[in-house]
């Protein structure tokens, strides 16, 4: 599950936003330029997802990108099952969820909790 970016990672992105190159940022934080690029991409992706969730709070992939759901679980629901929104889970049972790829106990518990918050009961 993707977590909220750490203060250090936020500081790295802020340093980059101030106009410093990947190399300068890497030297300051003792990281490679590629690691800085990866951190920057993850932080910006998280920020975008959190903003987009304000307009579309039931979007499964946005929930996964913002850390409310394991990312592979979001992908399994969206890409292999065609379920893009929490509301589409209405009528599914725990047995149905366990049959999906990448759906173990933890993933299923996360989905059940997210659905329950939106008034959808998965039995």
N, C-alpha and C. Protein backbone atom coordinates (compact mmCIF):
# COMPACT_ATOMS: atom_id res chain seq x y z
N UNK A 1 0.85 -1.16 0.00
CA UNK A 1 0.00 0.00 0.00
C UNK A 1 0.90 1.23 0.00
N UNK A 2 0.52 2.18 -0.78
CA UNK A 2 1.32 3.40 -0.84
C UNK A 2 0.95 4.29 0.34
N UNK A 3 1.95 4.75 1.02
CA UNK A 3 1.73 5.59 2.19
C UNK A 3 1.92 7.05 1.82
N UNK A 4 1.46 7.90 2.72
CA UNK A 4 1.69 9.33 2.55
C UNK A 4 3.20 9.55 2.50
N UNK A 5 3.66 10.43 1.60
CA UNK A 5 5.11 10.67 1.50
C UNK A 5 5.69 11.19 2.81
N UNK A 6 6.89 10.76 3.11
CA UNK A 6 7.58 11.19 4.33
C UNK A 6 7.97 12.67 4.20
N UNK A 7 8.31 13.25 5.34
CA UNK A 7 8.76 14.65 5.34
C UNK A 7 10.02 14.80 4.48
N UNK A 8 10.89 13.80 4.56
CA UNK A 8 12.12 13.86 3.76
C UNK A 8 11.79 13.86 2.26
N UNK A 9 10.90 12.98 1.85
CA UNK A 9 10.54 12.94 0.44
C UNK A 9 9.85 14.23 -0.01
N UNK A 10 9.04 14.80 0.86
CA UNK A 10 8.41 16.10 0.55
C UNK A 10 9.49 17.18 0.41
N UNK A 11 10.52 17.12 1.27
CA UNK A 11 11.61 18.09 1.21
C UNK A 11 12.40 17.94 -0.09
N UNK A 12 12.57 16.70 -0.53
CA UNK A 12 13.27 16.45 -1.79
C UNK A 12 12.51 17.09 -2.95
N UNK A 13 11.20 16.91 -2.97
CA UNK A 13 10.39 17.49 -4.05
C UNK A 13 10.38 19.01 -3.95
N UNK A 14 10.33 19.54 -2.75
CA UNK A 14 10.37 21.00 -2.57
C UNK A 14 11.70 21.56 -3.08
N UNK A 15 12.79 20.85 -2.82
CA UNK A 15 14.11 21.26 -3.30
C UNK A 15 14.14 21.27 -4.82
N UNK A 16 13.55 20.23 -5.42
CA UNK A 16 13.46 20.17 -6.89
C UNK A 16 12.59 21.30 -7.42
N UNK A 17 11.49 21.58 -6.74
CA UNK A 17 10.59 22.66 -7.15
C UNK A 17 11.26 24.02 -7.08
N UNK A 18 12.27 24.13 -6.24
CA UNK A 18 13.02 25.39 -6.12
C UNK A 18 13.98 25.59 -7.28
N UNK A 19 14.02 24.61 -8.20
CA UNK A 19 14.82 24.77 -9.40
C UNK A 19 16.12 24.00 -9.44
N UNK A 20 16.35 23.16 -8.46
CA UNK A 20 17.59 22.39 -8.44
C UNK A 20 17.48 21.18 -9.36
N UNK A 21 18.61 20.80 -9.93
CA UNK A 21 18.65 19.66 -10.84
C UNK A 21 18.56 18.35 -10.06
N UNK A 22 18.34 17.27 -10.79
CA UNK A 22 18.32 15.94 -10.16
C UNK A 22 19.66 15.66 -9.48
N UNK A 23 20.72 16.01 -10.17
CA UNK A 23 22.06 15.76 -9.64
C UNK A 23 22.32 16.55 -8.36
N UNK A 24 21.97 17.85 -8.37
CA UNK A 24 22.16 18.69 -7.18
C UNK A 24 21.32 18.16 -6.00
N UNK A 25 20.11 17.78 -6.31
CA UNK A 25 19.22 17.25 -5.27
C UNK A 25 19.79 15.95 -4.70
N UNK A 26 20.26 15.10 -5.59
CA UNK A 26 20.85 13.84 -5.15
C UNK A 26 22.06 14.06 -4.26
N UNK A 27 22.90 15.01 -4.62
CA UNK A 27 24.08 15.30 -3.81
C UNK A 27 23.69 15.81 -2.43
N UNK A 28 22.71 16.71 -2.41
CA UNK A 28 22.28 17.28 -1.12
C UNK A 28 21.71 16.21 -0.20
N UNK A 29 20.90 15.30 -0.75
CA UNK A 29 20.22 14.29 0.06
C UNK A 29 20.93 12.93 0.05
N UNK A 30 22.12 12.90 -0.58
CA UNK A 30 22.93 11.68 -0.67
C UNK A 30 22.16 10.52 -1.32
N UNK A 31 21.62 10.84 -2.49
CA UNK A 31 20.87 9.87 -3.28
C UNK A 31 21.34 9.93 -4.73
N UNK A 32 21.04 8.91 -5.49
CA UNK A 32 21.34 8.97 -6.92
C UNK A 32 20.27 9.83 -7.60
N UNK A 33 20.60 10.33 -8.77
CA UNK A 33 19.63 11.13 -9.52
C UNK A 33 18.39 10.29 -9.85
N UNK A 34 18.58 9.02 -10.15
CA UNK A 34 17.45 8.15 -10.46
C UNK A 34 16.54 7.96 -9.25
N UNK A 35 17.12 7.83 -8.07
CA UNK A 35 16.31 7.70 -6.86
C UNK A 35 15.52 8.98 -6.62
N UNK A 36 16.14 10.12 -6.84
CA UNK A 36 15.43 11.40 -6.70
C UNK A 36 14.26 11.44 -7.68
N UNK A 37 14.49 11.03 -8.91
CA UNK A 37 13.44 11.02 -9.93
C UNK A 37 12.28 10.11 -9.48
N UNK A 38 12.60 8.94 -8.95
CA UNK A 38 11.56 8.01 -8.50
C UNK A 38 10.76 8.56 -7.32
N UNK A 39 11.46 9.16 -6.37
CA UNK A 39 10.79 9.77 -5.22
C UNK A 39 9.87 10.89 -5.70
N UNK A 40 10.38 11.73 -6.57
CA UNK A 40 9.60 12.85 -7.10
C UNK A 40 8.33 12.33 -7.80
N UNK A 41 8.47 11.28 -8.59
CA UNK A 41 7.33 10.71 -9.32
C UNK A 41 6.28 10.17 -8.34
N UNK A 42 6.73 9.46 -7.30
CA UNK A 42 5.78 8.90 -6.33
C UNK A 42 5.07 9.98 -5.54
N UNK A 43 5.79 11.01 -5.13
CA UNK A 43 5.18 12.09 -4.35
C UNK A 43 4.16 12.84 -5.21
N UNK A 44 4.52 13.15 -6.44
CA UNK A 44 3.59 13.86 -7.32
C UNK A 44 2.37 13.00 -7.66
N UNK A 45 2.58 11.70 -7.84
CA UNK A 45 1.47 10.79 -8.11
C UNK A 45 0.52 10.75 -6.92
N UNK A 46 1.07 10.68 -5.72
CA UNK A 46 0.25 10.69 -4.50
C UNK A 46 -0.56 11.99 -4.41
N UNK A 47 0.09 13.11 -4.62
CA UNK A 47 -0.60 14.40 -4.55
C UNK A 47 -1.73 14.50 -5.56
N UNK A 48 -1.46 14.05 -6.79
CA UNK A 48 -2.49 14.08 -7.84
C UNK A 48 -3.68 13.21 -7.45
N UNK A 49 -3.40 12.04 -6.92
CA UNK A 49 -4.48 11.13 -6.53
C UNK A 49 -5.33 11.71 -5.41
N UNK A 50 -4.69 12.31 -4.41
CA UNK A 50 -5.43 12.91 -3.30
C UNK A 50 -6.33 14.04 -3.81
N UNK A 51 -5.82 14.85 -4.71
CA UNK A 51 -6.62 15.94 -5.29
C UNK A 51 -7.79 15.38 -6.11
N UNK A 52 -7.51 14.38 -6.93
CA UNK A 52 -8.55 13.80 -7.78
C UNK A 52 -9.63 13.10 -6.96
N UNK A 53 -9.28 12.56 -5.80
CA UNK A 53 -10.25 11.90 -4.95
C UNK A 53 -11.31 12.86 -4.43
N UNK A 54 -10.99 14.13 -4.36
CA UNK A 54 -11.98 15.12 -3.92
C UNK A 54 -13.16 15.17 -4.88
N UNK A 55 -12.89 14.98 -6.17
CA UNK A 55 -13.95 15.00 -7.18
C UNK A 55 -14.53 13.61 -7.46
N UNK A 56 -13.78 12.57 -7.18
CA UNK A 56 -14.19 11.21 -7.52
C UNK A 56 -13.79 10.25 -6.40
N UNK A 57 -14.47 10.33 -5.24
CA UNK A 57 -14.02 9.57 -4.06
C UNK A 57 -14.22 8.06 -4.15
N UNK A 58 -14.94 7.56 -5.13
CA UNK A 58 -15.19 6.13 -5.24
C UNK A 58 -14.32 5.44 -6.28
N UNK A 59 -13.41 6.15 -6.90
CA UNK A 59 -12.57 5.58 -7.94
C UNK A 59 -11.52 4.67 -7.31
N UNK A 60 -11.55 3.41 -7.67
CA UNK A 60 -10.67 2.42 -7.05
C UNK A 60 -9.20 2.69 -7.30
N UNK A 61 -8.82 3.04 -8.51
CA UNK A 61 -7.40 3.29 -8.78
C UNK A 61 -6.91 4.55 -8.06
N UNK A 62 -7.74 5.56 -7.94
CA UNK A 62 -7.33 6.74 -7.17
C UNK A 62 -7.15 6.38 -5.71
N UNK A 63 -8.04 5.54 -5.18
CA UNK A 63 -7.91 5.09 -3.79
C UNK A 63 -6.61 4.32 -3.60
N UNK A 64 -6.24 3.52 -4.59
CA UNK A 64 -4.99 2.76 -4.52
C UNK A 64 -3.78 3.70 -4.60
N UNK A 65 -3.82 4.66 -5.51
CA UNK A 65 -2.70 5.59 -5.66
C UNK A 65 -2.51 6.47 -4.43
N UNK A 66 -3.62 6.72 -3.70
CA UNK A 66 -3.54 7.57 -2.51
C UNK A 66 -3.29 6.76 -1.23
N UNK A 67 -3.13 5.44 -1.36
CA UNK A 67 -2.77 4.63 -0.21
C UNK A 67 -3.91 4.09 0.61
N UNK A 68 -5.14 4.17 0.13
CA UNK A 68 -6.28 3.65 0.87
C UNK A 68 -6.53 2.17 0.57
N UNK A 69 -5.82 1.66 -0.42
CA UNK A 69 -6.00 0.31 -0.89
C UNK A 69 -4.68 -0.17 -1.48
N UNK A 70 -4.37 -1.45 -1.33
CA UNK A 70 -3.13 -1.96 -1.93
C UNK A 70 -3.20 -1.76 -3.44
N UNK A 71 -2.11 -1.28 -4.01
CA UNK A 71 -2.09 -0.97 -5.44
C UNK A 71 -2.40 -2.19 -6.31
N UNK A 72 -1.80 -3.37 -6.05
CA UNK A 72 -2.14 -4.53 -6.88
C UNK A 72 -3.62 -4.92 -6.78
N UNK A 73 -4.22 -4.65 -5.63
CA UNK A 73 -5.65 -4.93 -5.46
C UNK A 73 -6.46 -4.02 -6.36
N UNK A 74 -6.10 -2.74 -6.37
CA UNK A 74 -6.79 -1.80 -7.26
C UNK A 74 -6.65 -2.21 -8.71
N UNK A 75 -5.46 -2.63 -9.08
CA UNK A 75 -5.24 -3.08 -10.46
C UNK A 75 -6.05 -4.33 -10.77
N UNK A 76 -6.09 -5.27 -9.83
CA UNK A 76 -6.83 -6.51 -10.05
C UNK A 76 -8.31 -6.22 -10.27
N UNK A 77 -8.86 -5.34 -9.45
CA UNK A 77 -10.28 -5.01 -9.59
C UNK A 77 -10.55 -4.26 -10.89
N UNK A 78 -9.70 -3.30 -11.19
CA UNK A 78 -9.95 -2.44 -12.33
C UNK A 78 -9.65 -3.13 -13.65
N UNK A 79 -8.48 -3.68 -13.77
CA UNK A 79 -8.06 -4.21 -15.07
C UNK A 79 -8.56 -5.62 -15.36
N UNK A 80 -8.53 -6.51 -14.37
CA UNK A 80 -8.94 -7.88 -14.68
C UNK A 80 -10.44 -8.10 -14.47
N UNK A 81 -11.07 -7.29 -13.62
CA UNK A 81 -12.48 -7.50 -13.33
C UNK A 81 -13.38 -6.39 -13.88
N UNK A 82 -12.80 -5.29 -14.32
CA UNK A 82 -13.60 -4.19 -14.87
C UNK A 82 -14.35 -3.39 -13.82
N UNK A 83 -13.96 -3.52 -12.56
CA UNK A 83 -14.62 -2.79 -11.47
C UNK A 83 -13.80 -1.54 -11.21
N UNK A 84 -14.35 -0.39 -11.56
CA UNK A 84 -13.61 0.87 -11.43
C UNK A 84 -14.06 1.72 -10.25
N UNK A 85 -15.24 1.42 -9.71
CA UNK A 85 -15.78 2.24 -8.63
C UNK A 85 -16.24 1.34 -7.49
N UNK A 86 -16.17 1.84 -6.28
CA UNK A 86 -16.58 1.07 -5.10
C UNK A 86 -18.04 0.64 -5.24
N UNK A 87 -18.88 1.47 -5.78
CA UNK A 87 -20.30 1.15 -5.93
C UNK A 87 -20.58 -0.08 -6.78
N UNK A 88 -19.66 -0.42 -7.64
CA UNK A 88 -19.84 -1.60 -8.49
C UNK A 88 -19.68 -2.90 -7.70
N UNK A 89 -19.25 -2.83 -6.48
CA UNK A 89 -19.08 -4.02 -5.65
C UNK A 89 -20.39 -4.47 -5.01
N UNK A 90 -21.42 -3.69 -5.17
CA UNK A 90 -22.72 -4.03 -4.61
C UNK A 90 -23.16 -5.38 -5.15
N UNK A 91 -23.55 -6.27 -4.25
CA UNK A 91 -23.99 -7.59 -4.66
C UNK A 91 -22.91 -8.66 -4.64
N UNK A 92 -21.66 -8.25 -4.47
CA UNK A 92 -20.58 -9.23 -4.39
C UNK A 92 -20.51 -9.80 -2.98
N UNK A 93 -20.01 -11.02 -2.88
CA UNK A 93 -19.80 -11.66 -1.59
C UNK A 93 -18.30 -11.80 -1.35
N UNK A 94 -17.93 -12.17 -0.12
CA UNK A 94 -16.52 -12.41 0.19
C UNK A 94 -15.98 -13.53 -0.70
N UNK A 95 -16.77 -14.53 -0.92
CA UNK A 95 -16.34 -15.64 -1.77
C UNK A 95 -16.02 -15.15 -3.18
N UNK A 96 -16.85 -14.23 -3.69
CA UNK A 96 -16.59 -13.67 -5.03
C UNK A 96 -15.26 -12.93 -5.05
N UNK A 97 -15.01 -12.14 -4.01
CA UNK A 97 -13.77 -11.35 -3.96
C UNK A 97 -12.54 -12.23 -3.88
N UNK A 98 -12.62 -13.30 -3.11
CA UNK A 98 -11.47 -14.20 -2.97
C UNK A 98 -11.12 -14.90 -4.28
N UNK A 99 -12.05 -14.97 -5.19
CA UNK A 99 -11.79 -15.62 -6.48
C UNK A 99 -11.00 -14.72 -7.43
N UNK A 100 -10.97 -13.41 -7.16
CA UNK A 100 -10.24 -12.48 -8.02
C UNK A 100 -8.74 -12.68 -7.85
N UNK A 101 -7.94 -12.43 -8.90
CA UNK A 101 -6.49 -12.54 -8.75
C UNK A 101 -5.96 -11.48 -7.77
N UNK A 102 -4.92 -11.82 -7.04
CA UNK A 102 -4.27 -10.92 -6.07
C UNK A 102 -5.18 -10.52 -4.92
N UNK A 103 -6.19 -11.32 -4.64
CA UNK A 103 -7.12 -10.97 -3.57
C UNK A 103 -6.97 -11.95 -2.42
N UNK A 104 -6.17 -11.57 -1.46
CA UNK A 104 -6.02 -12.35 -0.24
C UNK A 104 -6.87 -11.76 0.86
N UNK A 105 -6.60 -12.19 2.05
CA UNK A 105 -7.39 -11.75 3.21
C UNK A 105 -7.26 -10.24 3.45
N UNK A 106 -6.04 -9.72 3.40
CA UNK A 106 -5.83 -8.30 3.68
C UNK A 106 -6.50 -7.43 2.61
N UNK A 107 -6.33 -7.78 1.36
CA UNK A 107 -6.95 -7.02 0.27
C UNK A 107 -8.46 -7.03 0.41
N UNK A 108 -9.01 -8.19 0.71
CA UNK A 108 -10.46 -8.30 0.85
C UNK A 108 -10.95 -7.48 2.02
N UNK A 109 -10.22 -7.50 3.14
CA UNK A 109 -10.61 -6.69 4.30
C UNK A 109 -10.62 -5.21 3.95
N UNK A 110 -9.62 -4.75 3.20
CA UNK A 110 -9.57 -3.34 2.80
C UNK A 110 -10.78 -2.98 1.96
N UNK A 111 -11.12 -3.84 1.02
CA UNK A 111 -12.25 -3.57 0.14
C UNK A 111 -13.55 -3.55 0.93
N UNK A 112 -13.72 -4.50 1.85
CA UNK A 112 -14.94 -4.56 2.66
C UNK A 112 -15.09 -3.28 3.49
N UNK A 113 -13.98 -2.81 4.07
CA UNK A 113 -14.01 -1.58 4.87
C UNK A 113 -14.34 -0.36 4.02
N UNK A 114 -13.72 -0.26 2.83
CA UNK A 114 -14.01 0.87 1.95
C UNK A 114 -15.47 0.85 1.51
N UNK A 115 -15.98 -0.33 1.20
CA UNK A 115 -17.38 -0.46 0.78
C UNK A 115 -18.31 -0.10 1.94
N UNK A 116 -17.98 -0.55 3.14
CA UNK A 116 -18.82 -0.27 4.31
C UNK A 116 -18.91 1.23 4.59
N UNK A 117 -17.81 1.94 4.39
CA UNK A 117 -17.82 3.40 4.58
C UNK A 117 -18.80 4.09 3.64
N UNK A 118 -19.09 3.43 2.52
CA UNK A 118 -19.99 3.99 1.52
C UNK A 118 -21.36 3.33 1.55
N UNK A 119 -21.62 2.58 2.63
CA UNK A 119 -22.94 1.97 2.81
C UNK A 119 -23.18 0.71 2.00
N UNK A 120 -22.12 0.07 1.52
CA UNK A 120 -22.26 -1.16 0.74
C UNK A 120 -21.81 -2.31 1.60
N UNK A 121 -22.70 -3.29 1.77
CA UNK A 121 -22.36 -4.47 2.59
C UNK A 121 -21.94 -5.61 1.67
N UNK A 122 -20.78 -6.16 1.98
CA UNK A 122 -20.29 -7.33 1.27
C UNK A 122 -20.36 -8.48 2.27
N UNK A 123 -21.16 -9.49 1.96
CA UNK A 123 -21.40 -10.58 2.91
C UNK A 123 -20.48 -11.74 2.65
